[in-house]
Protein backbone atom coordinates (compact mmCIF):
# COMPACT_ATOMS: atom_id res chain seq x y z
CA UNK A 1 0.00 0.00 0.00
CA UNK A 2 1.40 3.37 -1.01
CA UNK A 3 1.92 6.35 1.24
CA UNK A 4 1.12 9.85 0.01
CA UNK A 5 2.21 13.25 1.30
CA UNK A 6 1.15 16.86 1.02
CA UNK A 7 3.68 17.18 -1.82
CA UNK A 8 2.30 14.37 -3.99
CA UNK A 9 -1.37 14.23 -2.92
CA UNK A 10 -2.60 16.08 -6.01
CA UNK A 11 -0.72 13.80 -8.41
CA UNK A 12 -1.39 10.51 -6.61
CA UNK A 13 -4.98 11.07 -5.47
CA UNK A 14 -6.63 13.99 -7.25
CA UNK A 15 -5.11 13.05 -10.61
CA UNK A 16 -5.61 9.29 -10.29
CA UNK A 17 -7.47 7.41 -13.01
CA UNK A 18 -9.00 4.96 -10.52
CA UNK A 19 -11.07 5.81 -7.46
CA UNK A 20 -8.74 6.24 -4.48
CA UNK A 21 -9.32 5.21 -0.87
CA UNK A 22 -7.21 7.42 1.39
CA UNK A 23 -6.66 6.43 5.00
CA UNK A 24 -5.78 9.44 7.13
CA UNK A 25 -3.65 7.77 9.79
CA UNK A 26 -1.10 8.31 12.55
CA UNK A 27 1.63 6.13 14.07
CA UNK A 28 0.22 6.64 17.57
CA UNK A 29 -3.30 5.49 16.59
CA UNK A 30 -4.05 1.84 17.59
CA UNK A 31 -7.17 1.53 15.38
CA UNK A 32 -5.10 2.83 12.46
CA UNK A 33 -2.49 0.10 13.00
CA UNK A 34 -5.32 -2.42 13.25
CA UNK A 35 -6.51 -1.38 9.78
CA UNK A 36 -3.11 -1.97 8.16
CA UNK A 37 -3.65 -5.64 7.25
CA UNK A 38 -7.23 -4.96 6.14
CA UNK A 39 -6.14 -2.17 3.80
CA UNK A 40 -3.19 -4.17 2.46
CA UNK A 41 -5.54 -7.05 1.60
CA UNK A 42 -8.01 -4.63 0.03
CA UNK A 43 -5.25 -3.07 -2.09
CA UNK A 44 -4.18 -6.52 -3.33
CA UNK A 45 -7.69 -7.80 -4.02
CA UNK A 46 -9.27 -4.65 -5.49
CA UNK A 47 -6.19 -3.12 -7.14
CA UNK A 48 -7.70 -3.18 -10.62
CA UNK A 49 -10.60 -0.96 -9.62
CA UNK A 50 -9.42 0.90 -6.50
CA UNK A 51 -6.17 2.53 -5.43
CA UNK A 52 -5.51 2.41 -1.66
CA UNK A 53 -3.12 4.89 0.00
CA UNK A 54 -2.26 6.20 3.46
CA UNK A 55 -1.51 9.76 4.56
CA UNK A 56 0.14 10.43 7.92
CA UNK A 57 -1.75 13.31 9.53
CA UNK A 58 1.15 14.35 11.75
CA UNK A 59 3.59 14.90 8.91
CA UNK A 60 1.07 16.16 6.32
CA UNK A 61 -0.98 18.91 7.96
CA UNK A 62 -1.92 20.76 4.76
CA UNK A 63 -3.95 17.91 3.28
CA UNK A 64 -5.30 16.90 6.68
CA UNK A 65 -6.58 20.44 7.30
CA UNK A 66 -7.87 20.89 3.76
CA UNK A 67 -10.22 17.93 4.21
CA UNK A 68 -11.02 18.79 7.85
CA UNK A 69 -9.86 15.45 9.22
CA UNK A 70 -10.22 15.43 13.00
CA UNK A 71 -10.37 11.72 13.91
CA UNK A 72 -8.25 8.74 12.99
CA UNK A 73 -8.61 6.64 11.12
CA UNK A 74 -10.64 8.61 8.61
CA UNK A 75 -11.20 7.06 5.20
CA UNK A 76 -12.07 9.16 2.18
CA UNK A 77 -12.88 7.93 -1.28
CA UNK A 78 -11.89 10.24 -4.13
CA UNK A 79 -13.31 9.78 -7.60
CA UNK A 80 -12.56 12.14 -10.45
CA UNK A 81 -10.49 14.26 -8.09
CA UNK A 82 -13.35 14.88 -5.67
CA UNK A 83 -14.13 13.31 -2.28
CA UNK A 84 -17.31 11.26 -2.68
CA UNK A 85 -17.48 9.40 0.65
CA UNK A 86 -15.97 9.71 4.13
CA UNK A 87 -15.95 7.14 6.93
CA UNK A 88 -14.50 7.44 10.43
CA UNK A 89 -13.25 4.60 12.60
CA UNK A 90 -11.85 1.12 12.18
CA UNK A 91 -14.05 -1.45 10.53
CA UNK A 92 -13.98 -5.04 9.34
CA UNK A 93 -13.01 -5.70 5.74
CA UNK A 94 -16.50 -6.91 4.83
CA UNK A 95 -18.12 -3.74 6.16
CA UNK A 96 -15.54 -1.58 4.37
CA UNK A 97 -16.24 -3.38 1.09
CA UNK A 98 -19.99 -2.89 1.56
CA UNK A 99 -19.50 0.85 2.13
CA UNK A 100 -17.16 1.13 -0.83
CA UNK A 101 -19.62 -0.64 -3.14
CA UNK A 102 -21.83 2.45 -2.93
CA UNK A 103 -19.20 4.60 -4.65
CA UNK A 104 -17.25 2.22 -6.88
PDB file of N, CA and C in Angstrom:
ATOM      1  N   UNK A   1       0.854  -1.174   0.000  1.00  0.00           N
ATOM      2  CA  UNK A   1       0.000   0.000   0.000  1.00  0.00           C
ATOM      3  C   UNK A   1       0.898   1.235   0.000  1.00  0.00           C
ATOM      4  N   UNK A   2       0.579   2.172  -0.850  1.00  0.00           N
ATOM      5  CA  UNK A   2       1.397   3.367  -1.006  1.00  0.00           C
ATOM      6  C   UNK A   2       1.098   4.410   0.066  1.00  0.00           C
ATOM      7  N   UNK A   3       2.104   5.201   0.364  1.00  0.00           N
ATOM      8  CA  UNK A   3       1.924   6.354   1.241  1.00  0.00           C
ATOM      9  C   UNK A   3       1.975   7.605   0.382  1.00  0.00           C
ATOM     10  N   UNK A   4       1.115   8.569   0.698  1.00  0.00           N
ATOM     11  CA  UNK A   4       1.119   9.849   0.007  1.00  0.00           C
ATOM     12  C   UNK A   4       1.428  10.952   1.003  1.00  0.00           C
ATOM     13  N   UNK A   5       1.847  12.092   0.479  1.00  0.00           N
ATOM     14  CA  UNK A   5       2.215  13.246   1.304  1.00  0.00           C
ATOM     15  C   UNK A   5       1.515  14.485   0.777  1.00  0.00           C
ATOM     16  N   UNK A   6       1.671  15.582   1.519  1.00  0.00           N
ATOM     17  CA  UNK A   6       1.150  16.855   1.025  1.00  0.00           C
ATOM     18  C   UNK A   6       1.708  17.159  -0.358  1.00  0.00           C
ATOM     19  N   UNK A   7       2.991  16.846  -0.566  1.00  0.00           N
ATOM     20  CA  UNK A   7       3.677  17.176  -1.815  1.00  0.00           C
ATOM     21  C   UNK A   7       3.131  16.406  -3.018  1.00  0.00           C
ATOM     22  N   UNK A   8       2.738  15.145  -2.840  1.00  0.00           N
ATOM     23  CA  UNK A   8       2.299  14.366  -3.992  1.00  0.00           C
ATOM     24  C   UNK A   8       0.809  13.992  -3.970  1.00  0.00           C
ATOM     25  N   UNK A   9       0.050  14.555  -3.031  1.00  0.00           N
ATOM     26  CA  UNK A   9      -1.372  14.228  -2.918  1.00  0.00           C
ATOM     27  C   UNK A   9      -2.130  14.545  -4.211  1.00  0.00           C
ATOM     28  N   UNK A  10      -1.877  15.694  -4.782  1.00  0.00           N
ATOM     29  CA  UNK A  10      -2.597  16.081  -6.006  1.00  0.00           C
ATOM     30  C   UNK A  10      -2.314  15.098  -7.136  1.00  0.00           C
ATOM     31  N   UNK A  11      -1.071  14.718  -7.320  1.00  0.00           N
ATOM     32  CA  UNK A  11      -0.718  13.804  -8.407  1.00  0.00           C
ATOM     33  C   UNK A  11      -1.224  12.392  -8.154  1.00  0.00           C
ATOM     34  N   UNK A  12      -1.069  11.908  -6.921  1.00  0.00           N
ATOM     35  CA  UNK A  12      -1.388  10.510  -6.607  1.00  0.00           C
ATOM     36  C   UNK A  12      -2.871  10.257  -6.338  1.00  0.00           C
ATOM     37  N   UNK A  13      -3.576  11.263  -5.837  1.00  0.00           N
ATOM     38  CA  UNK A  13      -4.984  11.070  -5.466  1.00  0.00           C
ATOM     39  C   UNK A  13      -5.911  11.854  -6.393  1.00  0.00           C
ATOM     40  N   UNK A  14      -5.740  13.152  -6.441  1.00  0.00           N
ATOM     41  CA  UNK A  14      -6.631  13.994  -7.250  1.00  0.00           C
ATOM     42  C   UNK A  14      -6.529  13.634  -8.730  1.00  0.00           C
ATOM     43  N   UNK A  15      -5.318  13.357  -9.198  1.00  0.00           N
ATOM     44  CA  UNK A  15      -5.110  13.048 -10.614  1.00  0.00           C
ATOM     45  C   UNK A  15      -5.198  11.577 -10.967  1.00  0.00           C
ATOM     46  N   UNK A  16      -5.572  10.732 -10.037  1.00  0.00           N
ATOM     47  CA  UNK A  16      -5.608   9.290 -10.292  1.00  0.00           C
ATOM     48  C   UNK A  16      -6.735   8.913 -11.252  1.00  0.00           C
ATOM     49  N   UNK A  17      -6.465   7.919 -12.072  1.00  0.00           N
ATOM     50  CA  UNK A  17      -7.470   7.414 -13.010  1.00  0.00           C
ATOM     51  C   UNK A  17      -8.530   6.567 -12.299  1.00  0.00           C
ATOM     52  N   UNK A  18      -8.091   5.801 -11.301  1.00  0.00           N
ATOM     53  CA  UNK A  18      -8.996   4.955 -10.524  1.00  0.00           C
ATOM     54  C   UNK A  18      -9.562   5.725  -9.335  1.00  0.00           C
ATOM     55  N   UNK A  19     -10.672   5.276  -8.769  1.00  0.00           N
ATOM     56  CA  UNK A  19     -11.070   5.815  -7.462  1.00  0.00           C
ATOM     57  C   UNK A  19      -9.958   5.520  -6.457  1.00  0.00           C
ATOM     58  N   UNK A  20      -9.804   6.389  -5.464  1.00  0.00           N
ATOM     59  CA  UNK A  20      -8.738   6.244  -4.476  1.00  0.00           C
ATOM     60  C   UNK A  20      -9.344   6.249  -3.077  1.00  0.00           C
ATOM     61  N   UNK A  21      -8.972   5.241  -2.283  1.00  0.00           N
ATOM     62  CA  UNK A  21      -9.319   5.206  -0.872  1.00  0.00           C
ATOM     63  C   UNK A  21      -8.114   5.716  -0.106  1.00  0.00           C
ATOM     64  N   UNK A  22      -8.284   6.836   0.591  1.00  0.00           N
ATOM     65  CA  UNK A  22      -7.208   7.420   1.394  1.00  0.00           C
ATOM     66  C   UNK A  22      -7.514   7.155   2.859  1.00  0.00           C
ATOM     67  N   UNK A  23      -6.546   6.548   3.553  1.00  0.00           N
ATOM     68  CA  UNK A  23      -6.657   6.425   5.002  1.00  0.00           C
ATOM     69  C   UNK A  23      -5.823   7.536   5.615  1.00  0.00           C
ATOM     70  N   UNK A  24      -6.472   8.430   6.340  1.00  0.00           N
ATOM     71  CA  UNK A  24      -5.775   9.440   7.125  1.00  0.00           C
ATOM     72  C   UNK A  24      -5.422   8.749   8.438  1.00  0.00           C
ATOM     73  N   UNK A  25      -4.129   8.631   8.717  1.00  0.00           N
ATOM     74  CA  UNK A  25      -3.654   7.770   9.790  1.00  0.00           C
ATOM     75  C   UNK A  25      -2.572   8.459  10.615  1.00  0.00           C
ATOM     76  N   UNK A  26      -2.189   7.830  11.709  1.00  0.00           N
ATOM     77  CA  UNK A  26      -1.097   8.314  12.550  1.00  0.00           C
ATOM     78  C   UNK A  26      -0.427   7.117  13.221  1.00  0.00           C
ATOM     79  N   UNK A  27       0.882   7.216  13.438  1.00  0.00           N
ATOM     80  CA  UNK A  27       1.629   6.125  14.072  1.00  0.00           C
ATOM     81  C   UNK A  27       1.117   5.810  15.470  1.00  0.00           C
ATOM     82  N   UNK A  28       0.639   6.812  16.186  1.00  0.00           N
ATOM     83  CA  UNK A  28       0.218   6.645  17.574  1.00  0.00           C
ATOM     84  C   UNK A  28      -1.210   6.119  17.709  1.00  0.00           C
ATOM     85  N   UNK A  29      -1.877   5.853  16.606  1.00  0.00           N
ATOM     86  CA  UNK A  29      -3.299   5.487  16.589  1.00  0.00           C
ATOM     87  C   UNK A  29      -3.473   3.967  16.511  1.00  0.00           C
ATOM     88  N   UNK A  30      -3.858   3.300  17.628  1.00  0.00           N
ATOM     89  CA  UNK A  30      -4.047   1.841  17.594  1.00  0.00           C
ATOM     90  C   UNK A  30      -5.068   1.359  16.561  1.00  0.00           C
ATOM     91  N   UNK A  31      -6.241   2.002  16.414  1.00  0.00           N
ATOM     92  CA  UNK A  31      -7.173   1.533  15.380  1.00  0.00           C
ATOM     93  C   UNK A  31      -6.595   1.665  13.965  1.00  0.00           C
ATOM     94  N   UNK A  32      -5.737   2.664  13.763  1.00  0.00           N
ATOM     95  CA  UNK A  32      -5.099   2.825  12.455  1.00  0.00           C
ATOM     96  C   UNK A  32      -4.182   1.641  12.176  1.00  0.00           C
ATOM     97  N   UNK A  33      -3.385   1.253  13.168  1.00  0.00           N
ATOM     98  CA  UNK A  33      -2.494   0.101  12.999  1.00  0.00           C
ATOM     99  C   UNK A  33      -3.309  -1.166  12.762  1.00  0.00           C
ATOM    100  N   UNK A  34      -4.443  -1.272  13.415  1.00  0.00           N
ATOM    101  CA  UNK A  34      -5.322  -2.424  13.250  1.00  0.00           C
ATOM    102  C   UNK A  34      -5.833  -2.521  11.804  1.00  0.00           C
ATOM    103  N   UNK A  35      -5.998  -1.403  11.150  1.00  0.00           N
ATOM    104  CA  UNK A  35      -6.513  -1.381   9.784  1.00  0.00           C
ATOM    105  C   UNK A  35      -5.457  -1.720   8.743  1.00  0.00           C
ATOM    106  N   UNK A  36      -4.187  -1.702   9.111  1.00  0.00           N
ATOM    107  CA  UNK A  36      -3.106  -1.969   8.161  1.00  0.00           C
ATOM    108  C   UNK A  36      -3.292  -3.244   7.358  1.00  0.00           C
ATOM    109  N   UNK A  37      -3.460  -4.397   8.012  1.00  0.00           N
ATOM    110  CA  UNK A  37      -3.647  -5.635   7.251  1.00  0.00           C
ATOM    111  C   UNK A  37      -4.917  -5.641   6.397  1.00  0.00           C
ATOM    112  N   UNK A  38      -5.972  -5.029   6.891  1.00  0.00           N
ATOM    113  CA  UNK A  38      -7.235  -4.956   6.136  1.00  0.00           C
ATOM    114  C   UNK A  38      -7.024  -4.157   4.849  1.00  0.00           C
ATOM    115  N   UNK A  39      -6.353  -3.014   4.968  1.00  0.00           N
ATOM    116  CA  UNK A  39      -6.141  -2.166   3.796  1.00  0.00           C
ATOM    117  C   UNK A  39      -5.156  -2.791   2.820  1.00  0.00           C
ATOM    118  N   UNK A  40      -4.146  -3.482   3.335  1.00  0.00           N
ATOM    119  CA  UNK A  40      -3.194  -4.166   2.456  1.00  0.00           C
ATOM    120  C   UNK A  40      -3.905  -5.245   1.643  1.00  0.00           C
ATOM    121  N   UNK A  41      -4.771  -6.014   2.294  1.00  0.00           N
ATOM    122  CA  UNK A  41      -5.539  -7.048   1.599  1.00  0.00           C
ATOM    123  C   UNK A  41      -6.467  -6.417   0.566  1.00  0.00           C
ATOM    124  N   UNK A  42      -7.104  -5.330   0.939  1.00  0.00           N
ATOM    125  CA  UNK A  42      -8.010  -4.632   0.025  1.00  0.00           C
ATOM    126  C   UNK A  42      -7.244  -4.134  -1.198  1.00  0.00           C
ATOM    127  N   UNK A  43      -6.067  -3.571  -0.983  1.00  0.00           N
ATOM    128  CA  UNK A  43      -5.249  -3.072  -2.091  1.00  0.00           C
ATOM    129  C   UNK A  43      -4.879  -4.208  -3.045  1.00  0.00           C
ATOM    130  N   UNK A  44      -4.532  -5.369  -2.492  1.00  0.00           N
ATOM    131  CA  UNK A  44      -4.184  -6.521  -3.334  1.00  0.00           C
ATOM    132  C   UNK A  44      -5.395  -7.039  -4.106  1.00  0.00           C
ATOM    133  N   UNK A  45      -6.510  -7.172  -3.427  1.00  0.00           N
ATOM    134  CA  UNK A  45      -7.693  -7.802  -4.023  1.00  0.00           C
ATOM    135  C   UNK A  45      -8.467  -6.885  -4.962  1.00  0.00           C
ATOM    136  N   UNK A  46      -8.452  -5.591  -4.705  1.00  0.00           N
ATOM    137  CA  UNK A  46      -9.265  -4.651  -5.490  1.00  0.00           C
ATOM    138  C   UNK A  46      -8.403  -3.696  -6.323  1.00  0.00           C
ATOM    139  N   UNK A  47      -7.125  -4.024  -6.480  1.00  0.00           N
ATOM    140  CA  UNK A  47      -6.186  -3.121  -7.144  1.00  0.00           C
ATOM    141  C   UNK A  47      -6.538  -2.722  -8.560  1.00  0.00           C
ATOM    142  N   UNK A  48      -7.330  -3.525  -9.246  1.00  0.00           N
ATOM    143  CA  UNK A  48      -7.697  -3.179 -10.619  1.00  0.00           C
ATOM    144  C   UNK A  48      -8.788  -2.116 -10.688  1.00  0.00           C
ATOM    145  N   UNK A  49      -9.523  -1.949  -9.582  1.00  0.00           N
ATOM    146  CA  UNK A  49     -10.604  -0.956  -9.623  1.00  0.00           C
ATOM    147  C   UNK A  49     -10.532   0.086  -8.514  1.00  0.00           C
ATOM    148  N   UNK A  50      -9.539  -0.034  -7.618  1.00  0.00           N
ATOM    149  CA  UNK A  50      -9.415   0.899  -6.497  1.00  0.00           C
ATOM    150  C   UNK A  50      -7.956   1.033  -6.089  1.00  0.00           C
ATOM    151  N   UNK A  51      -7.508   2.259  -5.948  1.00  0.00           N
ATOM    152  CA  UNK A  51      -6.166   2.534  -5.425  1.00  0.00           C
ATOM    153  C   UNK A  51      -6.313   2.818  -3.930  1.00  0.00           C
ATOM    154  N   UNK A  52      -5.452   2.231  -3.105  1.00  0.00           N
ATOM    155  CA  UNK A  52      -5.511   2.407  -1.656  1.00  0.00           C
ATOM    156  C   UNK A  52      -4.204   3.045  -1.196  1.00  0.00           C
ATOM    157  N   UNK A  53      -4.309   4.175  -0.482  1.00  0.00           N
ATOM    158  CA  UNK A  53      -3.123   4.888   0.004  1.00  0.00           C
ATOM    159  C   UNK A  53      -3.338   5.339   1.451  1.00  0.00           C
ATOM    160  N   UNK A  54      -2.230   5.658   2.100  1.00  0.00           N
ATOM    161  CA  UNK A  54      -2.265   6.200   3.460  1.00  0.00           C
ATOM    162  C   UNK A  54      -1.602   7.571   3.469  1.00  0.00           C
ATOM    163  N   UNK A  55      -2.110   8.445   4.351  1.00  0.00           N
ATOM    164  CA  UNK A  55      -1.509   9.755   4.558  1.00  0.00           C
ATOM    165  C   UNK A  55      -1.357   9.963   6.060  1.00  0.00           C
ATOM    166  N   UNK A  56      -0.136  10.198   6.504  1.00  0.00           N
ATOM    167  CA  UNK A  56       0.144  10.426   7.923  1.00  0.00           C
ATOM    168  C   UNK A  56      -0.265  11.854   8.281  1.00  0.00           C
ATOM    169  N   UNK A  57      -1.218  11.988   9.192  1.00  0.00           N
ATOM    170  CA  UNK A  57      -1.754  13.309   9.525  1.00  0.00           C
ATOM    171  C   UNK A  57      -0.741  14.188  10.259  1.00  0.00           C
ATOM    172  N   UNK A  58       0.178  13.569  10.983  1.00  0.00           N
ATOM    173  CA  UNK A  58       1.148  14.352  11.746  1.00  0.00           C
ATOM    174  C   UNK A  58       2.199  15.002  10.860  1.00  0.00           C
ATOM    175  N   UNK A  59       2.551  14.357   9.775  1.00  0.00           N
ATOM    176  CA  UNK A  59       3.594  14.897   8.906  1.00  0.00           C
ATOM    177  C   UNK A  59       3.036  15.567   7.653  1.00  0.00           C
ATOM    178  N   UNK A  60       1.713  15.564   7.506  1.00  0.00           N
ATOM    179  CA  UNK A  60       1.073  16.157   6.324  1.00  0.00           C
ATOM    180  C   UNK A  60      -0.130  17.007   6.721  1.00  0.00           C
ATOM    181  N   UNK A  61       0.128  18.104   7.430  1.00  0.00           N
ATOM    182  CA  UNK A  61      -0.982  18.914   7.958  1.00  0.00           C
ATOM    183  C   UNK A  61      -1.788  19.654   6.896  1.00  0.00           C
ATOM    184  N   UNK A  62      -1.189  19.991   5.762  1.00  0.00           N
ATOM    185  CA  UNK A  62      -1.923  20.755   4.755  1.00  0.00           C
ATOM    186  C   UNK A  62      -3.119  19.966   4.224  1.00  0.00           C
ATOM    187  N   UNK A  63      -2.870  18.745   3.819  1.00  0.00           N
ATOM    188  CA  UNK A  63      -3.952  17.912   3.279  1.00  0.00           C
ATOM    189  C   UNK A  63      -4.945  17.560   4.377  1.00  0.00           C
ATOM    190  N   UNK A  64      -4.442  17.236   5.551  1.00  0.00           N
ATOM    191  CA  UNK A  64      -5.304  16.903   6.685  1.00  0.00           C
ATOM    192  C   UNK A  64      -6.263  18.051   6.986  1.00  0.00           C
ATOM    193  N   UNK A  65      -5.750  19.265   7.030  1.00  0.00           N
ATOM    194  CA  UNK A  65      -6.585  20.441   7.304  1.00  0.00           C
ATOM    195  C   UNK A  65      -7.527  20.757   6.141  1.00  0.00           C
ATOM    196  N   UNK A  66      -7.047  20.577   4.928  1.00  0.00           N
ATOM    197  CA  UNK A  66      -7.870  20.891   3.757  1.00  0.00           C
ATOM    198  C   UNK A  66      -9.142  20.050   3.730  1.00  0.00           C
ATOM    199  N   UNK A  67      -9.049  18.813   4.209  1.00  0.00           N
ATOM    200  CA  UNK A  67     -10.216  17.927   4.212  1.00  0.00           C
ATOM    201  C   UNK A  67     -10.838  17.801   5.600  1.00  0.00           C
ATOM    202  N   UNK A  68     -10.446  18.670   6.507  1.00  0.00           N
ATOM    203  CA  UNK A  68     -11.021  18.791   7.848  1.00  0.00           C
ATOM    204  C   UNK A  68     -11.064  17.454   8.591  1.00  0.00           C
ATOM    205  N   UNK A  69      -9.954  16.726   8.530  1.00  0.00           N
ATOM    206  CA  UNK A  69      -9.855  15.445   9.217  1.00  0.00           C
ATOM    207  C   UNK A  69      -9.533  15.698  10.682  1.00  0.00           C
ATOM    208  N   UNK A  70     -10.392  15.213  11.568  1.00  0.00           N
ATOM    209  CA  UNK A  70     -10.222  15.426  13.000  1.00  0.00           C
ATOM    210  C   UNK A  70     -10.029  14.129  13.779  1.00  0.00           C
ATOM    211  N   UNK A  71     -10.452  13.013  13.226  1.00  0.00           N
ATOM    212  CA  UNK A  71     -10.370  11.724  13.915  1.00  0.00           C
ATOM    213  C   UNK A  71      -9.631  10.719  13.046  1.00  0.00           C
ATOM    214  N   UNK A  72      -8.960   9.781  13.710  1.00  0.00           N
ATOM    215  CA  UNK A  72      -8.254   8.745  12.991  1.00  0.00           C
ATOM    216  C   UNK A  72      -8.730   7.381  13.465  1.00  0.00           C
ATOM    217  N   UNK A  73      -8.821   6.444  12.552  1.00  0.00           N
ATOM    218  CA  UNK A  73      -8.610   6.639  11.118  1.00  0.00           C
ATOM    219  C   UNK A  73      -9.854   7.243  10.454  1.00  0.00           C
ATOM    220  N   UNK A  74      -9.597   8.115   9.496  1.00  0.00           N
ATOM    221  CA  UNK A  74     -10.640   8.609   8.606  1.00  0.00           C
ATOM    222  C   UNK A  74     -10.325   8.071   7.226  1.00  0.00           C
ATOM    223  N   UNK A  75     -11.343   7.571   6.567  1.00  0.00           N
ATOM    224  CA  UNK A  75     -11.196   7.063   5.204  1.00  0.00           C
ATOM    225  C   UNK A  75     -11.990   7.970   4.287  1.00  0.00           C
ATOM    226  N   UNK A  76     -11.368   8.375   3.182  1.00  0.00           N
ATOM    227  CA  UNK A  76     -12.072   9.162   2.176  1.00  0.00           C
ATOM    228  C   UNK A  76     -11.866   8.505   0.825  1.00  0.00           C
ATOM    229  N   UNK A  77     -12.956   8.439   0.080  1.00  0.00           N
ATOM    230  CA  UNK A  77     -12.880   7.934  -1.282  1.00  0.00           C
ATOM    231  C   UNK A  77     -12.934   9.132  -2.218  1.00  0.00           C
ATOM    232  N   UNK A  78     -11.951   9.191  -3.112  1.00  0.00           N
ATOM    233  CA  UNK A  78     -11.885  10.243  -4.128  1.00  0.00           C
ATOM    234  C   UNK A  78     -12.152   9.606  -5.485  1.00  0.00           C
ATOM    235  N   UNK A  79     -13.014  10.235  -6.246  1.00  0.00           N
ATOM    236  CA  UNK A  79     -13.311   9.777  -7.601  1.00  0.00           C
ATOM    237  C   UNK A  79     -13.356  11.010  -8.492  1.00  0.00           C
ATOM    238  N   UNK A  80     -12.608  10.977  -9.568  1.00  0.00           N
ATOM    239  CA  UNK A  80     -12.557  12.138 -10.455  1.00  0.00           C
ATOM    240  C   UNK A  80     -12.003  13.368  -9.761  1.00  0.00           C
ATOM    241  N   UNK A  81     -11.127  13.153  -8.787  1.00  0.00           N
ATOM    242  CA  UNK A  81     -10.491  14.255  -8.089  1.00  0.00           C
ATOM    243  C   UNK A  81     -11.285  14.858  -6.951  1.00  0.00           C
ATOM    244  N   UNK A  82     -12.474  14.337  -6.710  1.00  0.00           N
ATOM    245  CA  UNK A  82     -13.348  14.879  -5.674  1.00  0.00           C
ATOM    246  C   UNK A  82     -13.635  13.835  -4.596  1.00  0.00           C
ATOM    247  N   UNK A  83     -13.726  14.264  -3.322  1.00  0.00           N
ATOM    248  CA  UNK A  83     -14.130  13.310  -2.283  1.00  0.00           C
ATOM    249  C   UNK A  83     -15.611  12.980  -2.445  1.00  0.00           C
ATOM    250  N   UNK A  84     -15.924  11.685  -2.479  1.00  0.00           N
ATOM    251  CA  UNK A  84     -17.306  11.263  -2.675  1.00  0.00           C
ATOM    252  C   UNK A  84     -17.865  10.500  -1.479  1.00  0.00           C
ATOM    253  N   UNK A  85     -17.010  10.116  -0.542  1.00  0.00           N
ATOM    254  CA  UNK A  85     -17.477   9.402   0.648  1.00  0.00           C
ATOM    255  C   UNK A  85     -16.414   9.537   1.729  1.00  0.00           C
ATOM    256  N   UNK A  86     -16.872   9.684   2.980  1.00  0.00           N
ATOM    257  CA  UNK A  86     -15.966   9.713   4.132  1.00  0.00           C
ATOM    258  C   UNK A  86     -16.515   8.773   5.200  1.00  0.00           C
ATOM    259  N   UNK A  87     -15.599   8.076   5.862  1.00  0.00           N
ATOM    260  CA  UNK A  87     -15.953   7.142   6.926  1.00  0.00           C
ATOM    261  C   UNK A  87     -14.934   7.325   8.044  1.00  0.00           C
ATOM    262  N   UNK A  88     -15.385   7.258   9.286  1.00  0.00           N
ATOM    263  CA  UNK A  88     -14.501   7.444  10.429  1.00  0.00           C
ATOM    264  C   UNK A  88     -14.532   6.201  11.294  1.00  0.00           C
ATOM    265  N   UNK A  89     -13.346   5.722  11.683  1.00  0.00           N
ATOM    266  CA  UNK A  89     -13.245   4.597  12.601  1.00  0.00           C
ATOM    267  C   UNK A  89     -12.869   3.296  11.915  1.00  0.00           C
ATOM    268  N   UNK A  90     -12.241   2.426  12.692  1.00  0.00           N
ATOM    269  CA  UNK A  90     -11.848   1.116  12.183  1.00  0.00           C
ATOM    270  C   UNK A  90     -13.097   0.295  11.874  1.00  0.00           C
ATOM    271  N   UNK A  91     -12.937  -0.587  10.914  1.00  0.00           N
ATOM    272  CA  UNK A  91     -14.050  -1.453  10.530  1.00  0.00           C
ATOM    273  C   UNK A  91     -13.505  -2.742   9.931  1.00  0.00           C
ATOM    274  N   UNK A  92     -14.344  -3.760   9.940  1.00  0.00           N
ATOM    275  CA  UNK A  92     -13.978  -5.040   9.339  1.00  0.00           C
ATOM    276  C   UNK A  92     -13.928  -4.889   7.822  1.00  0.00           C
ATOM    277  N   UNK A  93     -13.167  -5.747   7.191  1.00  0.00           N
ATOM    278  CA  UNK A  93     -13.013  -5.697   5.739  1.00  0.00           C
ATOM    279  C   UNK A  93     -14.358  -5.826   5.027  1.00  0.00           C
ATOM    280  N   UNK A  94     -15.201  -6.721   5.484  1.00  0.00           N
ATOM    281  CA  UNK A  94     -16.501  -6.915   4.832  1.00  0.00           C
ATOM    282  C   UNK A  94     -17.336  -5.636   4.884  1.00  0.00           C
ATOM    283  N   UNK A  95     -17.351  -4.988   6.035  1.00  0.00           N
ATOM    284  CA  UNK A  95     -18.118  -3.738   6.157  1.00  0.00           C
ATOM    285  C   UNK A  95     -17.521  -2.648   5.264  1.00  0.00           C
ATOM    286  N   UNK A  96     -16.202  -2.571   5.220  1.00  0.00           N
ATOM    287  CA  UNK A  96     -15.543  -1.576   4.375  1.00  0.00           C
ATOM    288  C   UNK A  96     -15.898  -1.813   2.907  1.00  0.00           C
ATOM    289  N   UNK A  97     -15.869  -3.060   2.476  1.00  0.00           N
ATOM    290  CA  UNK A  97     -16.241  -3.379   1.094  1.00  0.00           C
ATOM    291  C   UNK A  97     -17.689  -3.013   0.798  1.00  0.00           C
ATOM    292  N   UNK A  98     -18.580  -3.261   1.738  1.00  0.00           N
ATOM    293  CA  UNK A  98     -19.986  -2.888   1.559  1.00  0.00           C
ATOM    294  C   UNK A  98     -20.128  -1.381   1.379  1.00  0.00           C
ATOM    295  N   UNK A  99     -19.427  -0.616   2.226  1.00  0.00           N
ATOM    296  CA  UNK A  99     -19.502   0.846   2.133  1.00  0.00           C
ATOM    297  C   UNK A  99     -18.869   1.353   0.842  1.00  0.00           C
ATOM    298  N   UNK A 100     -17.808   0.711   0.403  1.00  0.00           N
ATOM    299  CA  UNK A 100     -17.158   1.126  -0.831  1.00  0.00           C
ATOM    300  C   UNK A 100     -17.998   0.809  -2.065  1.00  0.00           C
ATOM    301  N   UNK A 101     -18.802  -0.253  -1.977  1.00  0.00           N
ATOM    302  CA  UNK A 101     -19.616  -0.635  -3.143  1.00  0.00           C
ATOM    303  C   UNK A 101     -20.581   0.470  -3.562  1.00  0.00           C
ATOM    304  N   UNK A 102     -20.930   1.343  -2.627  1.00  0.00           N
ATOM    305  CA  UNK A 102     -21.829   2.450  -2.930  1.00  0.00           C
ATOM    306  C   UNK A 102     -21.198   3.474  -3.873  1.00  0.00           C
ATOM    307  N   UNK A 103     -19.867   3.547  -3.879  1.00  0.00           N
ATOM    308  CA  UNK A 103     -19.205   4.596  -4.653  1.00  0.00           C
ATOM    309  C   UNK A 103     -18.271   4.077  -5.737  1.00  0.00           C
ATOM    310  N   UNK A 104     -18.123   2.773  -5.831  1.00  0.00           N
ATOM    311  CA  UNK A 104     -17.254   2.222  -6.882  1.00  0.00           C
ATOM    312  C   UNK A 104     -18.026   1.849  -8.125  1.00  0.00           C
TER     313      UNK A 104
END
